[in-house]
Amino acid sequence: MILDGQLPALLGFFPGLGGQEILLLIVLGVLLFGRKLPELGRSVGKTFVEFKKGVKGLEDEVESAGNPQAKQAIEPEPVRPPQRVTASAPKFEDNPAPPPKV
C-alpha cells in the first residue's frame, strides 16, 4: 500500500509528472509491449539482480583491500639471488660450404 506522501519519493525519477501523465505512460507501455511485457519485466529483473551482484562484489573487494589481515594471507614468492648468464657468441665455420650446382 502506497501512502500519498510516499508517491513523490517513489516516482522521484519522473520530475513534474502528475498522475494522469504516469497513467498515460503505463497505457502506452502496455499498448507498445503488450504480449512482450512479462518477458521484458523478466529481463529487466535479471539485469537488476546481476547489477546488484556486481556492486556487492565490488564492495567486498574494497573491504578486503582495506583489511590488512587479508594482505598478509597472500605469501610473496621468495626472492632468489641473481644468476649469471654467460653470453655465447655465434660460432661461424672457417670454410663455408660450396654453393650448390644447378
N, C-alpha and C. Protein backbone atom coordinates (compact mmCIF):
# COMPACT_ATOMS: atom_id res chain seq x y z
N MET A 1 0.84 -1.17 0.00
CA MET A 1 0.00 0.00 0.00
C MET A 1 0.89 1.24 0.00
N ILE A 2 0.68 2.10 -0.95
CA ILE A 2 1.48 3.32 -1.08
C ILE A 2 0.68 4.48 -0.50
N LEU A 3 1.29 5.19 0.42
CA LEU A 3 0.66 6.36 1.01
C LEU A 3 0.89 7.57 0.12
N ASP A 4 0.08 8.61 0.29
CA ASP A 4 0.21 9.80 -0.56
C ASP A 4 1.55 10.46 -0.41
N GLY A 5 2.16 10.45 0.75
CA GLY A 5 3.45 11.09 0.96
C GLY A 5 4.59 10.32 0.33
N GLN A 6 4.39 9.02 0.09
CA GLN A 6 5.45 8.20 -0.48
C GLN A 6 5.46 8.21 -2.00
N LEU A 7 4.37 8.60 -2.63
CA LEU A 7 4.29 8.56 -4.09
C LEU A 7 5.33 9.46 -4.75
N PRO A 8 5.53 10.71 -4.32
CA PRO A 8 6.59 11.52 -4.96
C PRO A 8 7.98 10.94 -4.77
N ALA A 9 8.25 10.34 -3.62
CA ALA A 9 9.56 9.75 -3.39
C ALA A 9 9.74 8.50 -4.25
N LEU A 10 8.66 7.74 -4.43
CA LEU A 10 8.73 6.52 -5.22
C LEU A 10 8.95 6.83 -6.69
N LEU A 11 8.31 7.86 -7.18
CA LEU A 11 8.43 8.24 -8.58
C LEU A 11 9.29 9.48 -8.74
N GLY A 12 10.34 9.59 -7.97
CA GLY A 12 11.21 10.74 -7.99
C GLY A 12 12.00 10.89 -9.29
N PHE A 13 12.12 9.81 -10.05
CA PHE A 13 12.85 9.89 -11.30
C PHE A 13 11.99 10.48 -12.42
N PHE A 14 10.70 10.77 -12.15
CA PHE A 14 9.80 11.46 -13.08
C PHE A 14 9.46 12.84 -12.53
N PRO A 15 10.37 13.80 -12.60
CA PRO A 15 10.05 15.10 -12.02
C PRO A 15 8.97 15.82 -12.83
N GLY A 16 8.00 16.35 -12.14
CA GLY A 16 6.97 17.15 -12.78
C GLY A 16 5.86 16.35 -13.44
N LEU A 17 5.83 15.05 -13.30
CA LEU A 17 4.76 14.25 -13.90
C LEU A 17 3.67 14.03 -12.86
N GLY A 18 2.46 14.26 -13.29
CA GLY A 18 1.32 14.04 -12.41
C GLY A 18 0.77 12.65 -12.60
N GLY A 19 -0.34 12.37 -11.94
CA GLY A 19 -0.96 11.06 -12.01
C GLY A 19 -1.46 10.72 -13.40
N GLN A 20 -2.05 11.70 -14.11
CA GLN A 20 -2.57 11.44 -15.46
C GLN A 20 -1.44 11.12 -16.43
N GLU A 21 -0.33 11.83 -16.32
CA GLU A 21 0.79 11.58 -17.23
C GLU A 21 1.38 10.19 -17.00
N ILE A 22 1.50 9.80 -15.75
CA ILE A 22 2.03 8.47 -15.44
C ILE A 22 1.08 7.39 -15.94
N LEU A 23 -0.22 7.60 -15.77
CA LEU A 23 -1.21 6.64 -16.26
C LEU A 23 -1.13 6.52 -17.78
N LEU A 24 -0.95 7.66 -18.45
CA LEU A 24 -0.80 7.64 -19.91
C LEU A 24 0.44 6.86 -20.33
N LEU A 25 1.55 7.04 -19.61
CA LEU A 25 2.76 6.28 -19.92
C LEU A 25 2.56 4.78 -19.71
N ILE A 26 1.84 4.41 -18.68
CA ILE A 26 1.57 2.98 -18.42
C ILE A 26 0.72 2.40 -19.54
N VAL A 27 -0.32 3.12 -19.97
CA VAL A 27 -1.18 2.64 -21.05
C VAL A 27 -0.38 2.51 -22.34
N LEU A 28 0.47 3.50 -22.64
CA LEU A 28 1.31 3.41 -23.85
C LEU A 28 2.28 2.23 -23.76
N GLY A 29 2.82 1.98 -22.58
CA GLY A 29 3.72 0.84 -22.41
C GLY A 29 3.02 -0.48 -22.67
N VAL A 30 1.79 -0.60 -22.18
CA VAL A 30 1.03 -1.84 -22.40
C VAL A 30 0.68 -1.99 -23.86
N LEU A 31 0.31 -0.89 -24.53
CA LEU A 31 -0.03 -0.97 -25.94
C LEU A 31 1.19 -1.31 -26.80
N LEU A 32 2.34 -0.73 -26.47
CA LEU A 32 3.53 -0.97 -27.28
C LEU A 32 4.13 -2.35 -27.04
N PHE A 33 4.20 -2.77 -25.78
CA PHE A 33 4.88 -4.02 -25.45
C PHE A 33 3.92 -5.18 -25.28
N GLY A 34 2.67 -4.91 -25.01
CA GLY A 34 1.60 -5.91 -24.93
C GLY A 34 2.02 -7.28 -24.46
N ARG A 35 2.16 -8.20 -25.40
CA ARG A 35 2.46 -9.60 -25.07
C ARG A 35 3.89 -9.79 -24.60
N LYS A 36 4.77 -8.88 -24.94
CA LYS A 36 6.18 -9.00 -24.56
C LYS A 36 6.44 -8.42 -23.17
N LEU A 37 5.42 -7.86 -22.52
CA LEU A 37 5.63 -7.21 -21.24
C LEU A 37 6.16 -8.14 -20.16
N PRO A 38 5.64 -9.37 -20.00
CA PRO A 38 6.23 -10.27 -18.98
C PRO A 38 7.69 -10.61 -19.28
N GLU A 39 8.00 -10.84 -20.54
CA GLU A 39 9.39 -11.15 -20.92
C GLU A 39 10.29 -9.94 -20.67
N LEU A 40 9.80 -8.76 -20.98
CA LEU A 40 10.56 -7.54 -20.74
C LEU A 40 10.80 -7.34 -19.25
N GLY A 41 9.77 -7.59 -18.45
CA GLY A 41 9.91 -7.47 -16.99
C GLY A 41 10.93 -8.45 -16.44
N ARG A 42 10.91 -9.69 -16.95
CA ARG A 42 11.86 -10.70 -16.51
C ARG A 42 13.29 -10.29 -16.85
N SER A 43 13.50 -9.80 -18.06
CA SER A 43 14.86 -9.43 -18.46
C SER A 43 15.35 -8.21 -17.67
N VAL A 44 14.45 -7.27 -17.40
CA VAL A 44 14.85 -6.11 -16.58
C VAL A 44 15.18 -6.57 -15.16
N GLY A 45 14.39 -7.50 -14.63
CA GLY A 45 14.66 -8.03 -13.29
C GLY A 45 15.99 -8.75 -13.21
N LYS A 46 16.29 -9.58 -14.22
CA LYS A 46 17.57 -10.30 -14.24
C LYS A 46 18.74 -9.32 -14.34
N THR A 47 18.56 -8.28 -15.15
CA THR A 47 19.61 -7.27 -15.28
C THR A 47 19.85 -6.57 -13.96
N PHE A 48 18.77 -6.25 -13.26
CA PHE A 48 18.88 -5.57 -11.97
C PHE A 48 19.58 -6.46 -10.94
N VAL A 49 19.26 -7.75 -10.92
CA VAL A 49 19.90 -8.69 -9.99
C VAL A 49 21.39 -8.81 -10.31
N GLU A 50 21.75 -8.93 -11.58
CA GLU A 50 23.16 -9.02 -11.95
C GLU A 50 23.92 -7.75 -11.57
N PHE A 51 23.26 -6.60 -11.73
CA PHE A 51 23.89 -5.33 -11.35
C PHE A 51 24.15 -5.30 -9.85
N LYS A 52 23.17 -5.74 -9.07
CA LYS A 52 23.35 -5.76 -7.61
C LYS A 52 24.46 -6.73 -7.21
N LYS A 53 24.57 -7.87 -7.88
CA LYS A 53 25.66 -8.81 -7.59
C LYS A 53 27.01 -8.19 -7.89
N GLY A 54 27.09 -7.47 -8.99
CA GLY A 54 28.34 -6.80 -9.35
C GLY A 54 28.73 -5.74 -8.34
N VAL A 55 27.75 -4.96 -7.89
CA VAL A 55 28.04 -3.93 -6.89
C VAL A 55 28.47 -4.58 -5.58
N LYS A 56 27.83 -5.67 -5.20
CA LYS A 56 28.20 -6.38 -3.97
C LYS A 56 29.62 -6.93 -4.09
N GLY A 57 29.98 -7.45 -5.24
CA GLY A 57 31.33 -7.94 -5.46
C GLY A 57 32.37 -6.84 -5.34
N LEU A 58 32.05 -5.67 -5.88
CA LEU A 58 32.97 -4.54 -5.75
C LEU A 58 33.10 -4.10 -4.30
N GLU A 59 31.99 -4.08 -3.58
CA GLU A 59 32.05 -3.70 -2.15
C GLU A 59 32.91 -4.69 -1.37
N ASP A 60 32.75 -5.98 -1.64
CA ASP A 60 33.56 -6.99 -0.95
C ASP A 60 35.04 -6.81 -1.28
N GLU A 61 35.34 -6.48 -2.55
CA GLU A 61 36.72 -6.29 -2.96
C GLU A 61 37.35 -5.09 -2.24
N VAL A 62 36.58 -4.01 -2.12
CA VAL A 62 37.08 -2.82 -1.44
C VAL A 62 37.31 -3.10 0.04
N GLU A 63 36.38 -3.84 0.65
CA GLU A 63 36.53 -4.18 2.07
C GLU A 63 37.75 -5.07 2.31
N SER A 64 37.96 -6.03 1.43
CA SER A 64 39.11 -6.93 1.62
C SER A 64 40.42 -6.20 1.33
N ALA A 65 40.41 -5.21 0.46
CA ALA A 65 41.62 -4.45 0.18
C ALA A 65 42.00 -3.57 1.37
N GLY A 66 41.02 -3.10 2.11
CA GLY A 66 41.29 -2.27 3.27
C GLY A 66 41.64 -3.08 4.51
N ASN A 67 41.47 -4.39 4.46
CA ASN A 67 41.74 -5.25 5.60
C ASN A 67 43.19 -5.72 5.54
N PRO A 68 44.04 -5.31 6.50
CA PRO A 68 45.46 -5.70 6.43
C PRO A 68 45.68 -7.20 6.62
N GLN A 69 44.77 -7.90 7.30
CA GLN A 69 44.95 -9.34 7.50
C GLN A 69 44.80 -10.09 6.19
N ALA A 70 43.97 -9.59 5.30
CA ALA A 70 43.79 -10.25 4.01
C ALA A 70 45.06 -10.13 3.18
N LYS A 71 45.79 -9.02 3.31
CA LYS A 71 47.03 -8.86 2.57
C LYS A 71 48.11 -9.81 3.07
N GLN A 72 48.12 -10.10 4.37
CA GLN A 72 49.13 -10.98 4.93
C GLN A 72 48.88 -12.44 4.55
N ALA A 73 47.67 -12.78 4.21
CA ALA A 73 47.34 -14.15 3.86
C ALA A 73 48.03 -14.58 2.57
N ILE A 74 48.32 -13.63 1.69
CA ILE A 74 48.99 -13.95 0.43
C ILE A 74 50.48 -13.84 0.66
N GLU A 75 51.17 -14.97 0.56
CA GLU A 75 52.61 -15.01 0.79
C GLU A 75 53.33 -14.65 -0.51
N PRO A 76 54.26 -13.72 -0.46
CA PRO A 76 55.00 -13.39 -1.69
C PRO A 76 55.99 -14.50 -2.02
N GLU A 77 56.37 -14.55 -3.25
CA GLU A 77 57.34 -15.55 -3.71
C GLU A 77 58.71 -15.20 -3.13
N PRO A 78 59.47 -16.17 -2.64
CA PRO A 78 60.77 -15.85 -2.05
C PRO A 78 61.72 -15.26 -3.09
N VAL A 79 62.55 -14.34 -2.63
CA VAL A 79 63.49 -13.67 -3.52
C VAL A 79 64.67 -14.60 -3.76
N ARG A 80 64.99 -14.83 -5.03
CA ARG A 80 66.12 -15.68 -5.38
C ARG A 80 67.31 -14.81 -5.73
N PRO A 81 68.52 -15.27 -5.42
CA PRO A 81 69.70 -14.48 -5.79
C PRO A 81 69.84 -14.44 -7.31
N PRO A 82 70.46 -13.38 -7.82
CA PRO A 82 70.60 -13.28 -9.28
C PRO A 82 71.51 -14.38 -9.81
N GLN A 83 71.23 -14.83 -11.00
CA GLN A 83 72.03 -15.88 -11.63
C GLN A 83 72.81 -15.28 -12.79
N ARG A 84 74.04 -15.74 -12.93
CA ARG A 84 74.86 -15.25 -14.03
C ARG A 84 74.50 -16.01 -15.31
N VAL A 85 74.41 -15.24 -16.35
CA VAL A 85 74.12 -15.83 -17.65
C VAL A 85 75.33 -15.57 -18.53
N THR A 86 75.91 -16.64 -19.05
CA THR A 86 77.08 -16.48 -19.92
C THR A 86 76.60 -16.23 -21.34
N ALA A 87 77.14 -15.22 -21.91
CA ALA A 87 76.76 -14.89 -23.28
C ALA A 87 77.61 -15.74 -24.22
N SER A 88 76.97 -16.45 -25.07
CA SER A 88 77.72 -17.25 -26.03
C SER A 88 77.63 -16.58 -27.39
N ALA A 89 78.78 -16.34 -27.97
CA ALA A 89 78.84 -15.71 -29.29
C ALA A 89 78.52 -16.75 -30.35
N PRO A 90 77.91 -16.33 -31.44
CA PRO A 90 77.62 -17.30 -32.50
C PRO A 90 78.92 -17.82 -33.10
N LYS A 91 78.93 -19.09 -33.44
CA LYS A 91 80.15 -19.71 -34.00
C LYS A 91 79.97 -19.85 -35.50
N PHE A 92 80.99 -19.41 -36.21
CA PHE A 92 80.96 -19.49 -37.66
C PHE A 92 82.02 -20.50 -38.10
N GLU A 93 81.75 -21.18 -39.19
CA GLU A 93 82.71 -22.12 -39.75
C GLU A 93 83.74 -21.34 -40.56
N ASP A 94 85.01 -21.81 -40.50
CA ASP A 94 86.06 -21.15 -41.25
C ASP A 94 85.92 -21.42 -42.77
N ASN A 95 85.54 -22.63 -43.12
CA ASN A 95 85.40 -22.99 -44.52
C ASN A 95 83.92 -23.16 -44.84
N PRO A 96 83.32 -22.15 -45.47
CA PRO A 96 81.89 -22.31 -45.80
C PRO A 96 81.69 -23.38 -46.86
N ALA A 97 80.53 -23.93 -46.90
CA ALA A 97 80.21 -24.98 -47.87
C ALA A 97 80.13 -24.35 -49.27
N PRO A 98 80.55 -25.10 -50.31
CA PRO A 98 80.48 -24.54 -51.67
C PRO A 98 79.02 -24.38 -52.10
N PRO A 99 78.76 -23.40 -52.95
CA PRO A 99 77.38 -23.20 -53.40
C PRO A 99 76.88 -24.39 -54.19
N PRO A 100 75.62 -24.71 -54.10
CA PRO A 100 75.08 -25.87 -54.84
C PRO A 100 75.12 -25.64 -56.34
N LYS A 101 75.36 -26.71 -57.10
CA LYS A 101 75.41 -26.61 -58.57
C LYS A 101 74.00 -26.79 -59.11
N VAL A 102 73.73 -25.97 -60.10
CA VAL A 102 72.39 -26.01 -60.68
C VAL A 102 72.38 -26.77 -61.96
